[in-house]
Amino acid sequence: MDLYPLNFKEFLIAIGEEELSKLIDKKDWNLINIFKDKYIDLLRKYYFIGGMPAAINKYIETTDFKQVRKTQNQLLKAYEEDFSKHAPSEIVPRLKMLWNSIPAQLAKENKKFIYGLIKEGARAREYELALSWLIDCGLVYKIDRINKPNIPLIAYQDTSAFKLYTFDVGLLGAMTKIDEKILLEGSKIFTEFKGSFTEQFVLTELKSNKDIPIFYWSAEKATAEVDFIIQLGIDVVPIEVKAEQNLKAKSLKEFVTKYNTTKNVRTSMAEYKKEEWLINIPLYAIGEIEKII
């Protein structure tokens, strides 16, 4: 059985906000908009706590974010100890270096994974086994680039260009040692590290629908990039992730103009809105993308 961290809707149920979770299911946008501030506040907490059961339980027991962080750090320590217990001894140092480089990789403007950030002069072949081990254990998600958005997407993947994410937004925060005070500073947690928490959140929400193939797209000369490209049945759906309510979607517009995709999504803090060529889905409802579009 494959187990995943709790997604945002499951988190709502766990902390006693089951009605807000059900409201997302019903897609009653007028009512959802009334509770928009509440959803954003709870999403802010989810970015910090994440979906690991131990972290959520600690929050329910104590409502103390310092205690939550302590639990997350214990989990991270346990994972690193597992590297030494279960991985081939010759790749353990590389495993740790690769794992610990993820926050720096995601803090870049261009989030494409660069081996040189692990260690100067590092080569892909030196880290292939370590990367495979982390992927197979479910600790990281490797999102490959696609050359063009045709069905099936997997036939057009470029495995040499990829982005690497952790499997839980709360643990990413613990790895970066982001302070709990950021929770209290408006939308700062959403934009911290160039919006990488928001991308991480969206990816894990998509991953909770585990049958959805997920990739990303960038133009050949890196003039544009779409954060995620997913396949839903016979449809290719580009998703542009916005950390706040900034609704400019230049890269997405360029992609749609080039490839004439008919179902296009921007996810942001703005309310649900269906336009002629684009659907804006609030971040707190992006896990329901398959039902919404």
C-alpha atoms as a PDB file:
ATOM      1  CA  MET A   1       0.000   0.000   0.000  1.00  0.00           C
ATOM      2  CA  ASP A   2       1.337   3.435  -0.953  1.00  0.00           C
ATOM      3  CA  LEU A   3       0.817   6.009   1.787  1.00  0.00           C
ATOM      4  CA  TYR A   4       1.064   9.766   1.294  1.00  0.00           C
ATOM      5  CA  PRO A   5       1.017  12.716   3.718  1.00  0.00           C
ATOM      6  CA  LEU A   6      -2.456  14.121   4.363  1.00  0.00           C
ATOM      7  CA  ASN A   7      -3.495  16.545   1.639  1.00  0.00           C
ATOM      8  CA  PHE A   8      -5.108  19.878   2.480  1.00  0.00           C
ATOM      9  CA  LYS A   9      -8.679  18.557   2.557  1.00  0.00           C
ATOM     10  CA  GLU A  10      -7.641  15.666   4.814  1.00  0.00           C
ATOM     11  CA  PHE A  11      -5.772  18.141   7.021  1.00  0.00           C
ATOM     12  CA  LEU A  12      -8.992  20.178   7.389  1.00  0.00           C
ATOM     13  CA  ILE A  13     -10.860  17.058   8.522  1.00  0.00           C
ATOM     14  CA  ALA A  14      -8.072  16.127  10.967  1.00  0.00           C
ATOM     15  CA  ILE A  15      -8.147  19.514  12.732  1.00  0.00           C
ATOM     16  CA  GLY A  16     -11.947  19.579  12.997  1.00  0.00           C
ATOM     17  CA  GLU A  17     -12.803  21.684   9.928  1.00  0.00           C
ATOM     18  CA  GLU A  18     -14.715  18.946   8.120  1.00  0.00           C
ATOM     19  CA  GLU A  19     -17.425  21.315   6.860  1.00  0.00           C
ATOM     20  CA  LEU A  20     -14.834  23.431   5.040  1.00  0.00           C
ATOM     21  CA  SER A  21     -13.473  20.254   3.437  1.00  0.00           C
ATOM     22  CA  LYS A  22     -16.969  19.213   2.314  1.00  0.00           C
ATOM     23  CA  LEU A  23     -17.579  22.688   0.891  1.00  0.00           C
ATOM     24  CA  ILE A  24     -14.626  22.246  -1.487  1.00  0.00           C
ATOM     25  CA  ASP A  25     -16.178  18.941  -2.602  1.00  0.00           C
ATOM     26  CA  LYS A  26     -19.458  20.691  -3.407  1.00  0.00           C
ATOM     27  CA  LYS A  27     -17.692  23.394  -5.470  1.00  0.00           C
ATOM     28  CA  ASP A  28     -20.175  26.011  -4.263  1.00  0.00           C
ATOM     29  CA  TRP A  29     -17.904  28.922  -5.154  1.00  0.00           C
ATOM     30  CA  ASN A  30     -20.193  31.654  -3.796  1.00  0.00           C
ATOM     31  CA  LEU A  31     -20.164  30.028  -0.371  1.00  0.00           C
ATOM     32  CA  ILE A  32     -16.471  29.128  -0.604  1.00  0.00           C
ATOM     33  CA  ASN A  33     -15.672  32.807  -1.312  1.00  0.00           C
ATOM     34  CA  ILE A  34     -17.424  33.831   1.919  1.00  0.00           C
ATOM     35  CA  PHE A  35     -14.916  31.677   3.829  1.00  0.00           C
ATOM     36  CA  LYS A  36     -11.932  32.678   1.675  1.00  0.00           C
ATOM     37  CA  ASP A  37      -9.990  34.310   4.549  1.00  0.00           C
ATOM     38  CA  LYS A  38     -10.517  31.225   6.702  1.00  0.00           C
ATOM     39  CA  TYR A  39      -9.223  28.939   3.935  1.00  0.00           C
ATOM     40  CA  ILE A  40      -6.159  31.142   3.432  1.00  0.00           C
ATOM     41  CA  ASP A  41      -5.419  31.179   7.168  1.00  0.00           C
ATOM     42  CA  LEU A  42      -5.679  27.380   7.348  1.00  0.00           C
ATOM     43  CA  LEU A  43      -3.595  27.006   4.195  1.00  0.00           C
ATOM     44  CA  ARG A  44      -0.902  29.147   5.823  1.00  0.00           C
ATOM     45  CA  LYS A  45      -0.898  26.741   8.766  1.00  0.00           C
ATOM     46  CA  TYR A  46      -0.779  23.737   6.433  1.00  0.00           C
ATOM     47  CA  TYR A  47       2.283  25.181   4.660  1.00  0.00           C
ATOM     48  CA  PHE A  48       4.052  25.153   8.028  1.00  0.00           C
ATOM     49  CA  ILE A  49       2.661  21.918   9.500  1.00  0.00           C
ATOM     50  CA  GLY A  50       2.405  19.874   6.300  1.00  0.00           C
ATOM     51  CA  GLY A  51       0.666  16.526   6.040  1.00  0.00           C
ATOM     52  CA  MET A  52       2.771  14.200   8.178  1.00  0.00           C
ATOM     53  CA  PRO A  53       0.464  12.558  10.773  1.00  0.00           C
ATOM     54  CA  ALA A  54       2.950  13.027  13.630  1.00  0.00           C
ATOM     55  CA  ALA A  55       3.266  16.767  12.910  1.00  0.00           C
ATOM     56  CA  ILE A  56      -0.514  17.213  12.631  1.00  0.00           C
ATOM     57  CA  ASN A  57      -1.102  15.268  15.841  1.00  0.00           C
ATOM     58  CA  LYS A  58       1.422  17.435  17.642  1.00  0.00           C
ATOM     59  CA  TYR A  59      -0.396  20.557  16.435  1.00  0.00           C
ATOM     60  CA  ILE A  60      -3.778  19.150  17.558  1.00  0.00           C
ATOM     61  CA  GLU A  61      -2.320  18.271  20.990  1.00  0.00           C
ATOM     62  CA  THR A  62      -0.420  21.508  21.627  1.00  0.00           C
ATOM     63  CA  THR A  63      -1.317  24.199  18.978  1.00  0.00           C
ATOM     64  CA  ASP A  64       2.374  25.078  19.439  1.00  0.00           C
ATOM     65  CA  PHE A  65       4.299  25.540  16.208  1.00  0.00           C
ATOM     66  CA  LYS A  66       7.642  25.142  18.024  1.00  0.00           C
ATOM     67  CA  GLN A  67       6.541  21.660  19.101  1.00  0.00           C
ATOM     68  CA  VAL A  68       5.425  20.902  15.530  1.00  0.00           C
ATOM     69  CA  ARG A  69       8.871  21.927  14.238  1.00  0.00           C
ATOM     70  CA  LYS A  70      10.545  19.751  16.857  1.00  0.00           C
ATOM     71  CA  THR A  71       8.493  16.762  15.608  1.00  0.00           C
ATOM     72  CA  GLN A  72       9.378  17.572  11.989  1.00  0.00           C
ATOM     73  CA  ASN A  73      13.083  17.731  12.860  1.00  0.00           C
ATOM     74  CA  GLN A  74      12.800  14.327  14.536  1.00  0.00           C
ATOM     75  CA  LEU A  75      11.255  12.942  11.342  1.00  0.00           C
ATOM     76  CA  LEU A  76      14.044  14.431   9.213  1.00  0.00           C
ATOM     77  CA  LYS A  77      16.651  12.942  11.542  1.00  0.00           C
ATOM     78  CA  ALA A  78      14.932   9.537  11.294  1.00  0.00           C
ATOM     79  CA  TYR A  79      15.032   9.706   7.484  1.00  0.00           C
ATOM     80  CA  GLU A  80      18.744  10.517   7.510  1.00  0.00           C
ATOM     81  CA  GLU A  81      19.370   7.610   9.880  1.00  0.00           C
ATOM     82  CA  ASP A  82      17.432   5.386   7.459  1.00  0.00           C
ATOM     83  CA  PHE A  83      19.893   6.337   4.719  1.00  0.00           C
ATOM     84  CA  SER A  84      22.684   4.712   6.712  1.00  0.00           C
ATOM     85  CA  LYS A  85      20.579   1.681   7.698  1.00  0.00           C
ATOM     86  CA  HIS A  86      19.039   0.768   4.357  1.00  0.00           C
ATOM     87  CA  ALA A  87      20.991   2.332   1.474  1.00  0.00           C
ATOM     88  CA  PRO A  88      24.233   0.867   0.055  1.00  0.00           C
ATOM     89  CA  SER A  89      27.019   2.353   2.186  1.00  0.00           C
ATOM     90  CA  GLU A  90      28.918   3.743  -0.822  1.00  0.00           C
ATOM     91  CA  ILE A  91      26.048   6.083  -1.789  1.00  0.00           C
ATOM     92  CA  VAL A  92      25.065   7.304   1.709  1.00  0.00           C
ATOM     93  CA  PRO A  93      27.214  10.509   1.642  1.00  0.00           C
ATOM     94  CA  ARG A  94      25.799  11.414  -1.792  1.00  0.00           C
ATOM     95  CA  LEU A  95      22.272  10.627  -0.617  1.00  0.00           C
ATOM     96  CA  LYS A  96      22.605  13.105   2.232  1.00  0.00           C
ATOM     97  CA  MET A  97      24.156  15.796   0.035  1.00  0.00           C
ATOM     98  CA  LEU A  98      21.480  15.403  -2.630  1.00  0.00           C
ATOM     99  CA  TRP A  99      18.643  15.385  -0.076  1.00  0.00           C
ATOM    100  CA  ASN A 100      19.980  18.477   1.697  1.00  0.00           C
ATOM    101  CA  SER A 101      20.426  20.391  -1.577  1.00  0.00           C
ATOM    102  CA  ILE A 102      16.686  20.381  -2.393  1.00  0.00           C
ATOM    103  CA  PRO A 103      15.802  23.657  -0.587  1.00  0.00           C
ATOM    104  CA  ALA A 104      18.599  25.489  -2.432  1.00  0.00           C
ATOM    105  CA  GLN A 105      17.456  24.008  -5.745  1.00  0.00           C
ATOM    106  CA  LEU A 106      13.894  25.228  -5.159  1.00  0.00           C
ATOM    107  CA  ALA A 107      15.018  28.673  -3.992  1.00  0.00           C
ATOM    108  CA  LYS A 108      16.370  29.441  -7.478  1.00  0.00           C
ATOM    109  CA  GLU A 109      14.325  31.468  -9.970  1.00  0.00           C
ATOM    110  CA  ASN A 110      14.768  28.598 -12.434  1.00  0.00           C
ATOM    111  CA  LYS A 111      14.003  25.489 -10.401  1.00  0.00           C
ATOM    112  CA  LYS A 112      15.595  23.033 -12.842  1.00  0.00           C
ATOM    113  CA  PHE A 113      17.820  20.689 -10.833  1.00  0.00           C
ATOM    114  CA  ILE A 114      21.534  21.514 -11.139  1.00  0.00           C
ATOM    115  CA  TYR A 115      24.053  18.940  -9.886  1.00  0.00           C
ATOM    116  CA  GLY A 116      26.660  21.661  -9.419  1.00  0.00           C
ATOM    117  CA  LEU A 117      24.607  23.032  -6.522  1.00  0.00           C
ATOM    118  CA  ILE A 118      25.187  19.812  -4.574  1.00  0.00           C
ATOM    119  CA  LYS A 119      28.929  20.168  -4.880  1.00  0.00           C
ATOM    120  CA  GLU A 120      31.127  22.089  -7.292  1.00  0.00           C
ATOM    121  CA  GLY A 121      31.959  19.944 -10.305  1.00  0.00           C
ATOM    122  CA  ALA A 122      29.352  17.276  -9.433  1.00  0.00           C
ATOM    123  CA  ARG A 123      28.251  15.074 -12.357  1.00  0.00           C
ATOM    124  CA  ALA A 124      24.914  13.378 -12.956  1.00  0.00           C
ATOM    125  CA  ARG A 125      26.437   9.882 -13.143  1.00  0.00           C
ATOM    126  CA  GLU A 126      27.896  10.271  -9.624  1.00  0.00           C
ATOM    127  CA  TYR A 127      24.432  10.837  -8.156  1.00  0.00           C
ATOM    128  CA  GLU A 128      22.221   8.608 -10.325  1.00  0.00           C
ATOM    129  CA  LEU A 129      22.035   5.767  -7.763  1.00  0.00           C
ATOM    130  CA  ALA A 130      21.403   8.148  -4.856  1.00  0.00           C
ATOM    131  CA  LEU A 131      18.644   9.901  -6.807  1.00  0.00           C
ATOM    132  CA  SER A 132      16.990   6.610  -7.770  1.00  0.00           C
ATOM    133  CA  TRP A 133      17.084   5.464  -4.136  1.00  0.00           C
ATOM    134  CA  LEU A 134      15.344   8.644  -2.902  1.00  0.00           C
ATOM    135  CA  ILE A 135      12.710   8.403  -5.648  1.00  0.00           C
ATOM    136  CA  ASP A 136      12.045   4.710  -5.023  1.00  0.00           C
ATOM    137  CA  CYS A 137      11.622   5.379  -1.291  1.00  0.00           C
ATOM    138  CA  GLY A 138       9.067   8.092  -2.039  1.00  0.00           C
ATOM    139  CA  LEU A 139      11.116  10.804  -0.315  1.00  0.00           C
ATOM    140  CA  VAL A 140      11.476  12.971  -3.425  1.00  0.00           C
ATOM    141  CA  TYR A 141       9.398  13.625  -6.522  1.00  0.00           C
ATOM    142  CA  LYS A 142      11.243  14.001  -9.822  1.00  0.00           C
ATOM    143  CA  ILE A 143       9.251  16.067 -12.328  1.00  0.00           C
ATOM    144  CA  ASP A 144      10.670  15.770 -15.842  1.00  0.00           C
ATOM    145  CA  ARG A 145      10.472  18.364 -18.581  1.00  0.00           C
ATOM    146  CA  ILE A 146       8.430  17.623 -21.704  1.00  0.00           C
ATOM    147  CA  ASN A 147       9.457  18.803 -25.164  1.00  0.00           C
ATOM    148  CA  LYS A 148       5.889  19.235 -26.380  1.00  0.00           C
ATOM    149  CA  PRO A 149       2.445  18.584 -24.886  1.00  0.00           C
ATOM    150  CA  ASN A 150       1.197  15.612 -26.873  1.00  0.00           C
ATOM    151  CA  ILE A 151      -0.604  12.494 -25.595  1.00  0.00           C
ATOM    152  CA  PRO A 152       0.833  10.461 -23.945  1.00  0.00           C
ATOM    153  CA  LEU A 153       3.024  12.996 -22.177  1.00  0.00           C
ATOM    154  CA  ILE A 154       5.500  10.321 -21.090  1.00  0.00           C
ATOM    155  CA  ALA A 155       6.495   9.815 -24.730  1.00  0.00           C
ATOM    156  CA  TYR A 156       7.785  13.409 -24.854  1.00  0.00           C
ATOM    157  CA  GLN A 157       9.657  13.615 -21.552  1.00  0.00           C
ATOM    158  CA  ASP A 158      13.229  14.879 -21.363  1.00  0.00           C
ATOM    159  CA  THR A 159      14.695  12.971 -18.403  1.00  0.00           C
ATOM    160  CA  SER A 160      17.890  15.053 -18.423  1.00  0.00           C
ATOM    161  CA  ALA A 161      15.976  18.205 -17.384  1.00  0.00           C
ATOM    162  CA  PHE A 162      13.935  17.904 -14.211  1.00  0.00           C
ATOM    163  CA  LYS A 163      12.819  19.557 -10.982  1.00  0.00           C
ATOM    164  CA  LEU A 164      13.129  17.810  -7.627  1.00  0.00           C
ATOM    165  CA  TYR A 165      10.712  18.283  -4.735  1.00  0.00           C
ATOM    166  CA  THR A 166      10.319  16.744  -1.290  1.00  0.00           C
ATOM    167  CA  PHE A 167       7.149  14.794  -0.548  1.00  0.00           C
ATOM    168  CA  ASP A 168       5.792  17.199   2.109  1.00  0.00           C
ATOM    169  CA  VAL A 169       5.597  20.988   2.287  1.00  0.00           C
ATOM    170  CA  GLY A 170       5.974  21.015   6.086  1.00  0.00           C
ATOM    171  CA  LEU A 171       9.210  19.042   5.968  1.00  0.00           C
ATOM    172  CA  LEU A 172      10.535  21.408   3.267  1.00  0.00           C
ATOM    173  CA  GLY A 173       9.918  24.245   5.732  1.00  0.00           C
ATOM    174  CA  ALA A 174      11.756  22.337   8.448  1.00  0.00           C
ATOM    175  CA  MET A 175      14.692  21.726   6.107  1.00  0.00           C
ATOM    176  CA  THR A 176      14.890  25.469   5.383  1.00  0.00           C
ATOM    177  CA  LYS A 177      14.407  26.292   9.093  1.00  0.00           C
ATOM    178  CA  ILE A 178      11.693  28.822   8.219  1.00  0.00           C
ATOM    179  CA  ASP A 179      10.538  30.558  11.397  1.00  0.00           C
ATOM    180  CA  GLU A 180       6.978  30.145  12.693  1.00  0.00           C
ATOM    181  CA  LYS A 181       6.733  33.956  12.964  1.00  0.00           C
ATOM    182  CA  ILE A 182       6.443  34.037   9.172  1.00  0.00           C
ATOM    183  CA  LEU A 183       3.003  32.468   9.665  1.00  0.00           C
ATOM    184  CA  LEU A 184       1.860  35.687  11.296  1.00  0.00           C
ATOM    185  CA  GLU A 185       3.166  37.978   8.550  1.00  0.00           C
ATOM    186  CA  GLY A 186       0.317  37.982   6.077  1.00  0.00           C
ATOM    187  CA  SER A 187       1.071  36.098   2.887  1.00  0.00           C
ATOM    188  CA  LYS A 188       4.857  36.025   3.394  1.00  0.00           C
ATOM    189  CA  ILE A 189       4.990  32.245   3.818  1.00  0.00           C
ATOM    190  CA  PHE A 190       3.387  31.854   0.383  1.00  0.00           C
ATOM    191  CA  THR A 191       6.061  33.926  -1.376  1.00  0.00           C
ATOM    192  CA  GLU A 192       9.094  32.816   0.660  1.00  0.00           C
ATOM    193  CA  PHE A 193      11.869  31.234  -1.441  1.00  0.00           C
ATOM    194  CA  LYS A 194      10.412  32.604  -4.701  1.00  0.00           C
ATOM    195  CA  GLY A 195       7.142  30.783  -4.194  1.00  0.00           C
ATOM    196  CA  SER A 196       8.769  27.368  -3.879  1.00  0.00           C
ATOM    197  CA  PHE A 197       6.489  26.434  -0.970  1.00  0.00           C
ATOM    198  CA  THR A 198       3.496  27.111  -3.201  1.00  0.00           C
ATOM    199  CA  GLU A 199       4.876  24.937  -6.006  1.00  0.00           C
ATOM    200  CA  GLN A 200       5.695  22.216  -3.482  1.00  0.00           C
ATOM    201  CA  PHE A 201       2.148  22.421  -2.097  1.00  0.00           C
ATOM    202  CA  VAL A 202       0.517  22.233  -5.543  1.00  0.00           C
ATOM    203  CA  LEU A 203       2.651  19.246  -6.518  1.00  0.00           C
ATOM    204  CA  THR A 204       1.759  17.262  -3.392  1.00  0.00           C
ATOM    205  CA  GLU A 205      -1.929  18.068  -3.926  1.00  0.00           C
ATOM    206  CA  LEU A 206      -1.645  16.714  -7.486  1.00  0.00           C
ATOM    207  CA  LYS A 207       0.295  13.682  -6.235  1.00  0.00           C
ATOM    208  CA  SER A 208      -2.542  12.796  -3.875  1.00  0.00           C
ATOM    209  CA  ASN A 209      -4.419  11.915  -7.103  1.00  0.00           C
ATOM    210  CA  LYS A 210      -1.708   9.386  -7.803  1.00  0.00           C
ATOM    211  CA  ASP A 211      -2.826   8.380 -11.300  1.00  0.00           C
ATOM    212  CA  ILE A 212      -2.164  11.818 -12.812  1.00  0.00           C
ATOM    213  CA  PRO A 213       1.039  12.000 -14.936  1.00  0.00           C
ATOM    214  CA  ILE A 214       2.880  15.231 -13.993  1.00  0.00           C
ATOM    215  CA  PHE A 215       5.602  17.064 -15.944  1.00  0.00           C
ATOM    216  CA  TYR A 216       6.681  20.642 -16.605  1.00  0.00           C
ATOM    217  CA  TRP A 217       7.424  22.577 -19.794  1.00  0.00           C
ATOM    218  CA  SER A 218       9.982  25.199 -20.712  1.00  0.00           C
ATOM    219  CA  ALA A 219      10.705  26.858 -24.026  1.00  0.00           C
ATOM    220  CA  GLU A 220      13.944  25.811 -25.757  1.00  0.00           C
ATOM    221  CA  LYS A 221      15.688  29.099 -24.954  1.00  0.00           C
ATOM    222  CA  ALA A 222      14.128  29.254 -21.462  1.00  0.00           C
ATOM    223  CA  THR A 223      12.049  32.310 -22.391  1.00  0.00           C
ATOM    224  CA  ALA A 224       8.966  30.770 -20.759  1.00  0.00           C
ATOM    225  CA  GLU A 225       8.140  27.979 -18.330  1.00  0.00           C
ATOM    226  CA  VAL A 226       4.880  26.395 -17.197  1.00  0.00           C
ATOM    227  CA  ASP A 227       5.159  25.002 -13.669  1.00  0.00           C
ATOM    228  CA  PHE A 228       3.230  21.759 -14.250  1.00  0.00           C
ATOM    229  CA  ILE A 229       1.733  19.937 -17.228  1.00  0.00           C
ATOM    230  CA  ILE A 230      -0.666  17.132 -16.359  1.00  0.00           C
ATOM    231  CA  GLN A 231      -2.574  14.569 -18.377  1.00  0.00           C
ATOM    232  CA  LEU A 232      -6.249  14.059 -17.587  1.00  0.00           C
ATOM    233  CA  GLY A 233      -7.665  11.398 -19.895  1.00  0.00           C
ATOM    234  CA  ILE A 234      -7.219  12.734 -23.430  1.00  0.00           C
ATOM    235  CA  ASP A 235      -6.534  16.293 -22.242  1.00  0.00           C
ATOM    236  CA  VAL A 236      -3.201  17.989 -21.672  1.00  0.00           C
ATOM    237  CA  VAL A 237      -3.673  20.593 -18.924  1.00  0.00           C
ATOM    238  CA  PRO A 238      -1.001  23.248 -18.229  1.00  0.00           C
ATOM    239  CA  ILE A 239      -0.969  24.680 -14.678  1.00  0.00           C
ATOM    240  CA  GLU A 240       0.632  27.998 -13.788  1.00  0.00           C
ATOM    241  CA  VAL A 241       1.231  28.457 -10.055  1.00  0.00           C
ATOM    242  CA  LYS A 242       0.965  31.916  -8.507  1.00  0.00           C
ATOM    243  CA  ALA A 243       1.877  32.430  -4.853  1.00  0.00           C
ATOM    244  CA  GLU A 244      -0.454  35.392  -4.308  1.00  0.00           C
ATOM    245  CA  GLN A 245      -3.159  37.155  -6.344  1.00  0.00           C
ATOM    246  CA  ASN A 246      -0.815  38.272  -9.123  1.00  0.00           C
ATOM    247  CA  LEU A 247      -2.794  37.069 -12.113  1.00  0.00           C
ATOM    248  CA  LYS A 248      -0.346  37.748 -14.942  1.00  0.00           C
ATOM    249  CA  ALA A 249       0.278  34.449 -16.685  1.00  0.00           C
ATOM    250  CA  LYS A 250       2.669  35.331 -19.504  1.00  0.00           C
ATOM    251  CA  SER A 251       4.315  31.920 -19.790  1.00  0.00           C
ATOM    252  CA  LEU A 252       0.954  30.170 -19.758  1.00  0.00           C
ATOM    253  CA  LYS A 253      -0.382  32.513 -22.445  1.00  0.00           C
ATOM    254  CA  GLU A 254       2.672  31.818 -24.608  1.00  0.00           C
ATOM    255  CA  PHE A 255       2.182  28.070 -24.127  1.00  0.00           C
ATOM    256  CA  VAL A 256      -1.536  28.199 -25.008  1.00  0.00           C
ATOM    257  CA  THR A 257      -0.873  30.349 -28.088  1.00  0.00           C
ATOM    258  CA  LYS A 258       1.765  27.906 -29.274  1.00  0.00           C
ATOM    259  CA  TYR A 259      -0.061  24.634 -28.604  1.00  0.00           C
ATOM    260  CA  ASN A 260      -3.788  25.582 -28.620  1.00  0.00           C
ATOM    261  CA  THR A 261      -4.635  23.659 -25.434  1.00  0.00           C
ATOM    262  CA  THR A 262      -8.306  24.014 -24.516  1.00  0.00           C
ATOM    263  CA  LYS A 263      -8.160  23.392 -20.739  1.00  0.00           C
ATOM    264  CA  ASN A 264      -5.741  25.733 -19.017  1.00  0.00           C
ATOM    265  CA  VAL A 265      -5.369  26.392 -15.291  1.00  0.00           C
ATOM    266  CA  ARG A 266      -3.869  29.096 -13.161  1.00  0.00           C
ATOM    267  CA  THR A 267      -3.900  28.462  -9.420  1.00  0.00           C
ATOM    268  CA  SER A 268      -3.532  31.404  -7.070  1.00  0.00           C
ATOM    269  CA  MET A 269      -5.004  33.129  -4.024  1.00  0.00           C
ATOM    270  CA  ALA A 270      -7.680  34.665  -6.244  1.00  0.00           C
ATOM    271  CA  GLU A 271     -11.216  33.300  -6.259  1.00  0.00           C
ATOM    272  CA  TYR A 272     -12.515  30.724  -8.726  1.00  0.00           C
ATOM    273  CA  LYS A 273     -13.056  32.292 -12.132  1.00  0.00           C
ATOM    274  CA  LYS A 274     -13.684  30.737 -15.514  1.00  0.00           C
ATOM    275  CA  GLU A 275     -12.575  32.831 -18.459  1.00  0.00           C
ATOM    276  CA  GLU A 276     -12.639  32.139 -22.173  1.00  0.00           C
ATOM    277  CA  TRP A 277      -9.253  30.412 -22.287  1.00  0.00           C
ATOM    278  CA  LEU A 278      -8.402  29.961 -18.605  1.00  0.00           C
ATOM    279  CA  ILE A 279      -9.769  28.691 -15.289  1.00  0.00           C
ATOM    280  CA  ASN A 280      -8.421  30.209 -12.072  1.00  0.00           C
ATOM    281  CA  ILE A 281      -8.634  27.659  -9.234  1.00  0.00           C
ATOM    282  CA  PRO A 282      -7.930  28.855  -5.673  1.00  0.00           C
ATOM    283  CA  LEU A 283      -4.840  27.186  -4.229  1.00  0.00           C
ATOM    284  CA  TYR A 284      -6.864  25.633  -1.417  1.00  0.00           C
ATOM    285  CA  ALA A 285      -9.030  23.785  -4.000  1.00  0.00           C
ATOM    286  CA  ILE A 286      -6.329  22.717  -6.497  1.00  0.00           C
ATOM    287  CA  GLY A 287      -6.441  19.118  -5.228  1.00  0.00           C
ATOM    288  CA  GLU A 288      -9.894  18.871  -6.860  1.00  0.00           C
ATOM    289  CA  ILE A 289      -8.644  19.935 -10.297  1.00  0.00           C
ATOM    290  CA  GLU A 290      -9.844  16.745 -11.978  1.00  0.00           C
ATOM    291  CA  LYS A 291     -13.445  17.306 -10.817  1.00  0.00           C
ATOM    292  CA  ILE A 292     -13.386  21.079 -11.329  1.00  0.00           C
ATOM    293  CA  ILE A 293     -12.347  21.144 -14.952  1.00  0.00           C
END
